[in-house]
Protein backbone atom coordinates (compact mmCIF):
# COMPACT_ATOMS: atom_id res chain seq x y z
CA LEU A 1 1.05 -18.13 -9.27
CA ASN A 2 -0.65 -17.63 -5.89
CA ASP A 3 2.51 -18.65 -4.02
CA HIS A 4 2.28 -15.73 -1.63
CA ASP A 5 4.58 -17.30 0.96
CA GLY A 6 7.22 -17.82 -1.73
CA ALA A 7 6.73 -14.25 -2.92
CA VAL A 8 7.29 -12.91 0.60
CA ASP A 9 10.49 -14.95 0.80
CA ASP A 10 11.69 -13.76 -2.61
CA PHE A 11 10.99 -10.09 -1.92
CA SER A 12 12.59 -10.39 1.52
CA MET A 13 15.72 -11.71 -0.16
CA ALA A 14 15.70 -8.79 -2.60
CA ILE A 15 15.35 -6.38 0.32
CA ARG A 16 18.30 -7.99 2.10
CA TYR A 17 20.41 -7.15 -0.97
CA ASN A 18 19.05 -3.62 -1.29
CA ARG A 19 17.29 -2.03 1.70
CA LYS A 20 16.26 0.91 -0.52
CA PHE A 21 14.31 -1.22 -3.04
CA ALA A 22 10.87 0.41 -2.72
CA ASP A 23 9.28 -1.84 -5.34
CA ALA A 24 10.26 -4.94 -3.36
CA TYR A 25 8.63 -3.53 -0.21
CA ASN A 26 5.48 -2.67 -2.14
CA SER A 27 5.32 -6.11 -3.76
CA ARG A 28 5.99 -7.88 -0.48
CA GLY A 29 3.19 -5.80 1.02
CA LEU A 30 0.81 -7.09 -1.64
CA ALA A 31 1.85 -10.67 -0.90
CA ARG A 32 1.45 -10.14 2.84
CA ASN A 33 -2.00 -8.67 2.26
CA ALA A 34 -2.97 -11.80 0.31
CA LEU A 35 -1.81 -13.85 3.30
CA LYS A 36 -3.96 -11.68 5.61
CA ASP A 37 -0.86 -10.26 7.33
CA TYR A 38 -2.34 -6.78 7.28
CA THR A 39 0.07 -5.26 9.79
CA GLY A 40 3.04 -6.55 7.79
CA ALA A 41 1.49 -5.26 4.57
CA VAL A 42 0.96 -1.77 5.99
CA ASP A 43 4.52 -1.79 7.36
CA ASP A 44 5.90 -2.70 3.93
CA PHE A 45 3.85 -0.06 2.11
CA THR A 46 4.97 2.50 4.70
CA ARG A 47 8.62 1.57 4.14
CA ALA A 48 8.17 1.88 0.36
CA ILE A 49 6.73 5.38 0.90
CA GLU A 50 9.60 6.34 3.22
CA ILE A 51 12.08 5.32 0.53
CA SER A 52 10.11 6.88 -2.33
CA PRO A 53 7.68 9.56 -1.09
CA MET A 54 6.11 9.97 -4.56
CA TYR A 55 5.23 6.24 -4.89
CA SER A 56 1.51 6.50 -5.62
CA ALA A 57 0.93 2.73 -5.81
CA ALA A 58 2.24 2.27 -2.25
CA TYR A 59 -0.12 4.97 -0.95
CA TYR A 60 -2.98 3.36 -2.87
CA ASN A 61 -2.20 -0.14 -1.61
CA ARG A 62 -1.79 1.02 1.99
CA GLY A 63 -5.05 2.94 1.75
CA ILE A 64 -6.99 -0.07 0.50
CA VAL A 65 -5.58 -2.33 3.24
CA ARG A 66 -6.41 0.25 5.89
CA ILE A 67 -9.96 0.75 4.64
CA ASN A 68 -10.52 -3.01 4.52
CA ASN A 69 -9.36 -3.20 8.14
CA ASP A 70 -11.66 -0.55 9.61
CA GLN A 71 -9.20 2.33 9.37
CA GLU A 72 -11.29 4.29 6.89
CA GLU A 73 -10.04 7.76 7.72
CA SER A 74 -6.32 6.97 7.41
CA GLY A 75 -7.05 4.80 4.37
CA CYS A 76 -8.88 7.63 2.64
CA ILE A 77 -6.03 10.01 3.43
CA ASP A 78 -3.65 7.56 1.74
CA LEU A 79 -5.95 7.29 -1.26
CA SER A 80 -6.11 11.07 -1.43
CA LYS A 81 -2.31 11.24 -1.58
CA ALA A 82 -2.25 8.54 -4.27
CA ALA A 83 -4.81 10.52 -6.28
CA GLU A 84 -2.77 13.71 -5.83
CA LEU A 85 0.15 11.81 -7.34
CA GLY A 86 -1.97 10.85 -10.36
CA ASN A 87 -3.36 7.44 -9.44
CA PHE A 88 -6.70 7.26 -11.28
CA GLN A 89 -7.85 4.13 -9.44
CA ALA A 90 -7.56 6.07 -6.18
CA GLN A 91 -9.63 8.91 -7.59
CA ASP A 92 -12.45 6.52 -8.48
CA PHE A 93 -12.35 4.84 -5.07
CA ILE A 94 -12.40 8.18 -3.25
CA ARG A 95 -15.48 9.33 -5.13
CA LYS A 96 -17.31 6.16 -4.14
CA PHE A 97 -16.20 5.62 -0.55
CA CYS A 98 -14.25 8.48 0.99
CA ALA A 99 -16.13 11.74 0.52
CA CYS A 100 -17.13 12.01 4.18
CA TYR A 101 -13.50 11.71 5.38
CA LEU A 102 -12.00 14.22 2.97
CA MET A 103 -14.49 17.07 3.21
CA ASN A 104 -12.26 19.13 5.55
């Protein structure tokens, strides 16, 4: 519905009830990204990954935000992890944009 502020509020409430709710952190990160709160978005994706280290979507989302904010190397590393976990979107993005960062 494009109510990103409302989404941040709703996911924050869900997190207050359950600090281990990785999906809520990931979703709040997406809403924060839409609001151009890139630091908050990366923090939320990072928290989702801390809670659930195999959460490929959180790695993917964090990677995209980082790449879009001139952190290509760390973003490509995140995308590589997402791809390792089976995220096909990450695999496509890596082939197009990250080859020079992942050669080593």
